[in-house]
Amino acid sequence: MLSLREKEGIFEGLWAVPRVLSGNGEQRIDTRYYEIFMVDPIADMINRIKNAQSVKKETVEVPLSKIKFEIGKILERTGFLKKVELKTKRARRVIELTLVYKDGAPGVTGVKRVSKSGQRIYASAPELQRVTRKRAMTIVSTSKGLMSAGEARKQGLGGELLCEIWA
């Protein structure tokens, strides 16, 4: 049974809970108690691109990581994105992706995360199959860095299949 005596402002047996509502009744998050934790940053980047294109945004910002920057550069090189650049916003670094629209249609119409954190998918160079969609590509993580499946096949490299992107 809980004791109702106060001990340093907290009842014994109860945990301290951060205040979620501010004085005016609006919800706020106190960053001292909460830490943003992302399980799959590549899937987060993919979802941000899809969501931004569904509402016709010109640019989208993604938190910086080397792998996301390299994926962005591959998408820029293949024409799925217009421009990829690093920006600094309030002491944090982000990647700004400028989206492509051709005749009002988005440059990226679909993205599928192939290898996930719970199940990694690997393929050797001969197993890297050609994508059946008309304008599509697969991004592969190889021993020589990230590249499209076509580039990996030409170099005779296999690796982890990260995602499939099509327009």
C-alpha atoms as a PDB file:
ATOM      1  CA  MET A   1       0.000   0.000   0.000  1.00  0.00           C
ATOM      2  CA  LEU A   2       1.286   3.477  -0.834  1.00  0.00           C
ATOM      3  CA  SER A   3       2.176   5.854   1.903  1.00  0.00           C
ATOM      4  CA  LEU A   4       0.615   9.292   1.522  1.00  0.00           C
ATOM      5  CA  ARG A   5       3.529  11.042   3.167  1.00  0.00           C
ATOM      6  CA  GLU A   6       5.349  13.428   0.876  1.00  0.00           C
ATOM      7  CA  LYS A   7       9.037  12.860   0.353  1.00  0.00           C
ATOM      8  CA  GLU A   8      10.776  15.759  -1.352  1.00  0.00           C
ATOM      9  CA  GLY A   9       7.652  16.780  -3.254  1.00  0.00           C
ATOM     10  CA  ILE A  10       6.856  13.261  -4.512  1.00  0.00           C
ATOM     11  CA  PHE A  11       4.594  10.729  -2.836  1.00  0.00           C
ATOM     12  CA  GLU A  12       6.430   7.572  -1.806  1.00  0.00           C
ATOM     13  CA  GLY A  13       5.905   4.743  -4.245  1.00  0.00           C
ATOM     14  CA  LEU A  14       4.923   7.028  -7.138  1.00  0.00           C
ATOM     15  CA  TRP A  15       7.144   7.998 -10.038  1.00  0.00           C
ATOM     16  CA  ALA A  16       7.710  11.613 -10.998  1.00  0.00           C
ATOM     17  CA  VAL A  17       5.779  12.373 -14.207  1.00  0.00           C
ATOM     18  CA  PRO A  18       6.801  15.371 -16.344  1.00  0.00           C
ATOM     19  CA  ARG A  19       4.162  18.005 -16.905  1.00  0.00           C
ATOM     20  CA  VAL A  20       2.756  17.573 -20.371  1.00  0.00           C
ATOM     21  CA  LEU A  21       0.311  20.481 -20.284  1.00  0.00           C
ATOM     22  CA  SER A  22       1.622  24.003 -19.971  1.00  0.00           C
ATOM     23  CA  GLY A  23      -0.072  26.643 -17.828  1.00  0.00           C
ATOM     24  CA  ASN A  24      -2.431  27.745 -20.608  1.00  0.00           C
ATOM     25  CA  GLY A  25      -3.681  24.200 -21.287  1.00  0.00           C
ATOM     26  CA  GLU A  26      -1.729  23.676 -24.526  1.00  0.00           C
ATOM     27  CA  GLN A  27       0.228  20.483 -24.894  1.00  0.00           C
ATOM     28  CA  ARG A  28       3.985  20.787 -24.936  1.00  0.00           C
ATOM     29  CA  ILE A  29       6.876  18.360 -24.734  1.00  0.00           C
ATOM     30  CA  ASP A  30       9.599  19.028 -22.223  1.00  0.00           C
ATOM     31  CA  THR A  31      12.819  17.965 -23.976  1.00  0.00           C
ATOM     32  CA  ARG A  32      14.541  17.305 -20.660  1.00  0.00           C
ATOM     33  CA  TYR A  33      12.462  14.163 -20.244  1.00  0.00           C
ATOM     34  CA  TYR A  34      11.944  13.005 -23.799  1.00  0.00           C
ATOM     35  CA  GLU A  35      14.508  11.934 -26.338  1.00  0.00           C
ATOM     36  CA  ILE A  36      13.650  11.399 -29.980  1.00  0.00           C
ATOM     37  CA  PHE A  37      14.559   7.856 -30.980  1.00  0.00           C
ATOM     38  CA  MET A  38      14.243   6.639 -34.523  1.00  0.00           C
ATOM     39  CA  VAL A  39      14.305   2.901 -35.224  1.00  0.00           C
ATOM     40  CA  ASP A  40      14.770   3.082 -39.003  1.00  0.00           C
ATOM     41  CA  PRO A  41      16.167   6.405 -40.290  1.00  0.00           C
ATOM     42  CA  ILE A  42      16.112   5.296 -43.951  1.00  0.00           C
ATOM     43  CA  ALA A  43      12.396   4.467 -43.759  1.00  0.00           C
ATOM     44  CA  ASP A  44      11.867   7.855 -42.090  1.00  0.00           C
ATOM     45  CA  MET A  45      13.620   9.587 -45.004  1.00  0.00           C
ATOM     46  CA  ILE A  46      11.551   7.625 -47.531  1.00  0.00           C
ATOM     47  CA  ASN A  47       8.298   8.528 -45.748  1.00  0.00           C
ATOM     48  CA  ARG A  48       9.244  12.197 -45.571  1.00  0.00           C
ATOM     49  CA  ILE A  49       9.852  12.268 -49.332  1.00  0.00           C
ATOM     50  CA  LYS A  50       6.554  10.493 -50.089  1.00  0.00           C
ATOM     51  CA  ASN A  51       4.571  12.726 -47.715  1.00  0.00           C
ATOM     52  CA  ALA A  52       6.150  15.936 -49.056  1.00  0.00           C
ATOM     53  CA  GLN A  53       5.390  14.959 -52.643  1.00  0.00           C
ATOM     54  CA  SER A  54       1.809  14.045 -51.817  1.00  0.00           C
ATOM     55  CA  VAL A  55       1.184  17.639 -50.660  1.00  0.00           C
ATOM     56  CA  LYS A  56       3.292  19.159 -53.505  1.00  0.00           C
ATOM     57  CA  LYS A  57       6.084  20.628 -51.353  1.00  0.00           C
ATOM     58  CA  GLU A  58       9.201  21.960 -53.090  1.00  0.00           C
ATOM     59  CA  THR A  59      11.718  20.855 -50.440  1.00  0.00           C
ATOM     60  CA  VAL A  60      11.901  18.476 -47.505  1.00  0.00           C
ATOM     61  CA  GLU A  61      14.387  18.427 -44.626  1.00  0.00           C
ATOM     62  CA  VAL A  62      15.851  15.219 -43.216  1.00  0.00           C
ATOM     63  CA  PRO A  63      18.209  14.884 -40.208  1.00  0.00           C
ATOM     64  CA  LEU A  64      21.792  14.392 -41.382  1.00  0.00           C
ATOM     65  CA  SER A  65      23.476  11.008 -41.540  1.00  0.00           C
ATOM     66  CA  LYS A  66      26.065   9.745 -44.008  1.00  0.00           C
ATOM     67  CA  ILE A  67      23.887   6.961 -45.376  1.00  0.00           C
ATOM     68  CA  LYS A  68      20.881   9.255 -45.950  1.00  0.00           C
ATOM     69  CA  PHE A  69      23.138  11.815 -47.648  1.00  0.00           C
ATOM     70  CA  GLU A  70      24.528   9.123 -49.975  1.00  0.00           C
ATOM     71  CA  ILE A  71      21.018   7.859 -50.787  1.00  0.00           C
ATOM     72  CA  GLY A  72      20.052  11.456 -51.593  1.00  0.00           C
ATOM     73  CA  LYS A  73      23.071  11.855 -53.890  1.00  0.00           C
ATOM     74  CA  ILE A  74      22.151   8.644 -55.752  1.00  0.00           C
ATOM     75  CA  LEU A  75      18.568   9.897 -56.169  1.00  0.00           C
ATOM     76  CA  GLU A  76      19.880  13.244 -57.425  1.00  0.00           C
ATOM     77  CA  ARG A  77      22.268  11.546 -59.879  1.00  0.00           C
ATOM     78  CA  THR A  78      19.462   9.386 -61.310  1.00  0.00           C
ATOM     79  CA  GLY A  79      16.961  12.258 -61.601  1.00  0.00           C
ATOM     80  CA  PHE A  80      14.526  11.359 -58.806  1.00  0.00           C
ATOM     81  CA  LEU A  81      15.543  14.504 -56.863  1.00  0.00           C
ATOM     82  CA  LYS A  82      16.526  17.925 -58.192  1.00  0.00           C
ATOM     83  CA  LYS A  83      19.105  18.910 -55.573  1.00  0.00           C
ATOM     84  CA  VAL A  84      20.571  17.560 -52.322  1.00  0.00           C
ATOM     85  CA  GLU A  85      22.452  19.909 -50.007  1.00  0.00           C
ATOM     86  CA  LEU A  86      23.591  20.194 -46.405  1.00  0.00           C
ATOM     87  CA  LYS A  87      22.084  22.957 -44.265  1.00  0.00           C
ATOM     88  CA  THR A  88      22.581  24.085 -40.678  1.00  0.00           C
ATOM     89  CA  LYS A  89      19.414  24.972 -38.787  1.00  0.00           C
ATOM     90  CA  ARG A  90      19.724  26.154 -35.192  1.00  0.00           C
ATOM     91  CA  ALA A  91      22.916  24.242 -34.351  1.00  0.00           C
ATOM     92  CA  ARG A  92      21.763  21.025 -36.012  1.00  0.00           C
ATOM     93  CA  ARG A  93      22.660  19.803 -39.467  1.00  0.00           C
ATOM     94  CA  VAL A  94      20.001  18.663 -41.927  1.00  0.00           C
ATOM     95  CA  ILE A  95      19.837  17.494 -45.525  1.00  0.00           C
ATOM     96  CA  GLU A  96      17.582  19.614 -47.721  1.00  0.00           C
ATOM     97  CA  LEU A  97      16.109  17.619 -50.593  1.00  0.00           C
ATOM     98  CA  THR A  98      14.618  19.562 -53.502  1.00  0.00           C
ATOM     99  CA  LEU A  99      11.886  17.478 -55.103  1.00  0.00           C
ATOM    100  CA  VAL A 100      11.258  16.966 -58.822  1.00  0.00           C
ATOM    101  CA  TYR A 101       7.874  17.413 -60.495  1.00  0.00           C
ATOM    102  CA  LYS A 102       7.457  16.554 -64.177  1.00  0.00           C
ATOM    103  CA  ASP A 103       4.270  17.937 -65.766  1.00  0.00           C
ATOM    104  CA  GLY A 104       2.723  18.261 -62.314  1.00  0.00           C
ATOM    105  CA  ALA A 105       3.438  14.618 -61.450  1.00  0.00           C
ATOM    106  CA  PRO A 106       5.883  13.844 -58.632  1.00  0.00           C
ATOM    107  CA  GLY A 107       9.326  12.477 -59.478  1.00  0.00           C
ATOM    108  CA  VAL A 108       8.971   9.696 -56.911  1.00  0.00           C
ATOM    109  CA  THR A 109       5.611   7.932 -56.980  1.00  0.00           C
ATOM    110  CA  GLY A 110       6.534   4.937 -54.875  1.00  0.00           C
ATOM    111  CA  VAL A 111       9.226   3.671 -52.561  1.00  0.00           C
ATOM    112  CA  LYS A 112       9.545   0.287 -50.915  1.00  0.00           C
ATOM    113  CA  ARG A 113      11.947  -0.484 -48.072  1.00  0.00           C
ATOM    114  CA  VAL A 114      13.369  -3.920 -48.950  1.00  0.00           C
ATOM    115  CA  SER A 115      15.825  -4.682 -46.159  1.00  0.00           C
ATOM    116  CA  LYS A 116      14.421  -3.819 -42.736  1.00  0.00           C
ATOM    117  CA  SER A 117      15.910  -3.750 -39.266  1.00  0.00           C
ATOM    118  CA  GLY A 118      14.143  -7.024 -38.426  1.00  0.00           C
ATOM    119  CA  GLN A 119      15.034  -8.824 -41.651  1.00  0.00           C
ATOM    120  CA  ARG A 120      18.076  -7.963 -43.744  1.00  0.00           C
ATOM    121  CA  ILE A 121      17.954  -8.925 -47.426  1.00  0.00           C
ATOM    122  CA  TYR A 122      21.215  -9.590 -49.280  1.00  0.00           C
ATOM    123  CA  ALA A 123      21.882 -10.436 -52.927  1.00  0.00           C
ATOM    124  CA  SER A 124      24.979 -11.375 -54.882  1.00  0.00           C
ATOM    125  CA  ALA A 125      25.800  -9.652 -58.179  1.00  0.00           C
ATOM    126  CA  PRO A 126      24.031 -12.237 -60.396  1.00  0.00           C
ATOM    127  CA  GLU A 127      21.003 -12.215 -58.069  1.00  0.00           C
ATOM    128  CA  LEU A 128      20.539  -8.446 -58.434  1.00  0.00           C
ATOM    129  CA  GLN A 129      17.514  -8.587 -60.662  1.00  0.00           C
ATOM    130  CA  ARG A 130      16.417  -5.889 -62.983  1.00  0.00           C
ATOM    131  CA  VAL A 131      13.445  -3.927 -61.727  1.00  0.00           C
ATOM    132  CA  THR A 132      10.329  -4.691 -63.775  1.00  0.00           C
ATOM    133  CA  ARG A 133       8.846  -1.198 -63.478  1.00  0.00           C
ATOM    134  CA  LYS A 134       9.554   1.237 -66.305  1.00  0.00           C
ATOM    135  CA  ARG A 135      11.442   3.975 -64.419  1.00  0.00           C
ATOM    136  CA  ALA A 136      12.675   2.356 -61.227  1.00  0.00           C
ATOM    137  CA  MET A 137      15.858   1.424 -59.412  1.00  0.00           C
ATOM    138  CA  THR A 138      17.109  -0.423 -56.362  1.00  0.00           C
ATOM    139  CA  ILE A 139      19.712   1.046 -53.987  1.00  0.00           C
ATOM    140  CA  VAL A 140      22.304  -1.444 -52.756  1.00  0.00           C
ATOM    141  CA  SER A 141      24.813  -1.128 -49.918  1.00  0.00           C
ATOM    142  CA  THR A 142      28.027  -2.775 -51.169  1.00  0.00           C
ATOM    143  CA  SER A 143      31.564  -3.088 -49.866  1.00  0.00           C
ATOM    144  CA  LYS A 144      32.462  -0.079 -52.055  1.00  0.00           C
ATOM    145  CA  GLY A 145      29.627   2.122 -50.762  1.00  0.00           C
ATOM    146  CA  LEU A 146      26.056   2.778 -51.774  1.00  0.00           C
ATOM    147  CA  MET A 147      25.109   2.485 -55.431  1.00  0.00           C
ATOM    148  CA  SER A 148      22.228   1.547 -57.678  1.00  0.00           C
ATOM    149  CA  ALA A 149      21.708  -2.125 -58.521  1.00  0.00           C
ATOM    150  CA  GLY A 150      22.747  -1.470 -62.129  1.00  0.00           C
ATOM    151  CA  GLU A 151      26.076   0.021 -61.061  1.00  0.00           C
ATOM    152  CA  ALA A 152      26.658  -2.850 -58.614  1.00  0.00           C
ATOM    153  CA  ARG A 153      25.897  -5.431 -61.329  1.00  0.00           C
ATOM    154  CA  LYS A 154      28.395  -3.770 -63.706  1.00  0.00           C
ATOM    155  CA  GLN A 155      31.109  -3.871 -61.028  1.00  0.00           C
ATOM    156  CA  GLY A 156      30.263  -7.447 -60.030  1.00  0.00           C
ATOM    157  CA  LEU A 157      29.277  -6.507 -56.481  1.00  0.00           C
ATOM    158  CA  GLY A 158      26.473  -7.743 -54.284  1.00  0.00           C
ATOM    159  CA  GLY A 159      25.230  -6.407 -50.976  1.00  0.00           C
ATOM    160  CA  GLU A 160      22.270  -5.421 -48.866  1.00  0.00           C
ATOM    161  CA  LEU A 161      19.182  -4.274 -50.787  1.00  0.00           C
ATOM    162  CA  LEU A 162      18.112  -1.047 -49.047  1.00  0.00           C
ATOM    163  CA  CYS A 163      15.126   0.203 -51.016  1.00  0.00           C
ATOM    164  CA  GLU A 164      13.371   0.239 -54.362  1.00  0.00           C
ATOM    165  CA  ILE A 165      12.259   3.562 -55.876  1.00  0.00           C
ATOM    166  CA  TRP A 166      10.071   4.216 -58.904  1.00  0.00           C
ATOM    167  CA  ALA A 167       8.480   7.130 -60.717  1.00  0.00           C
END
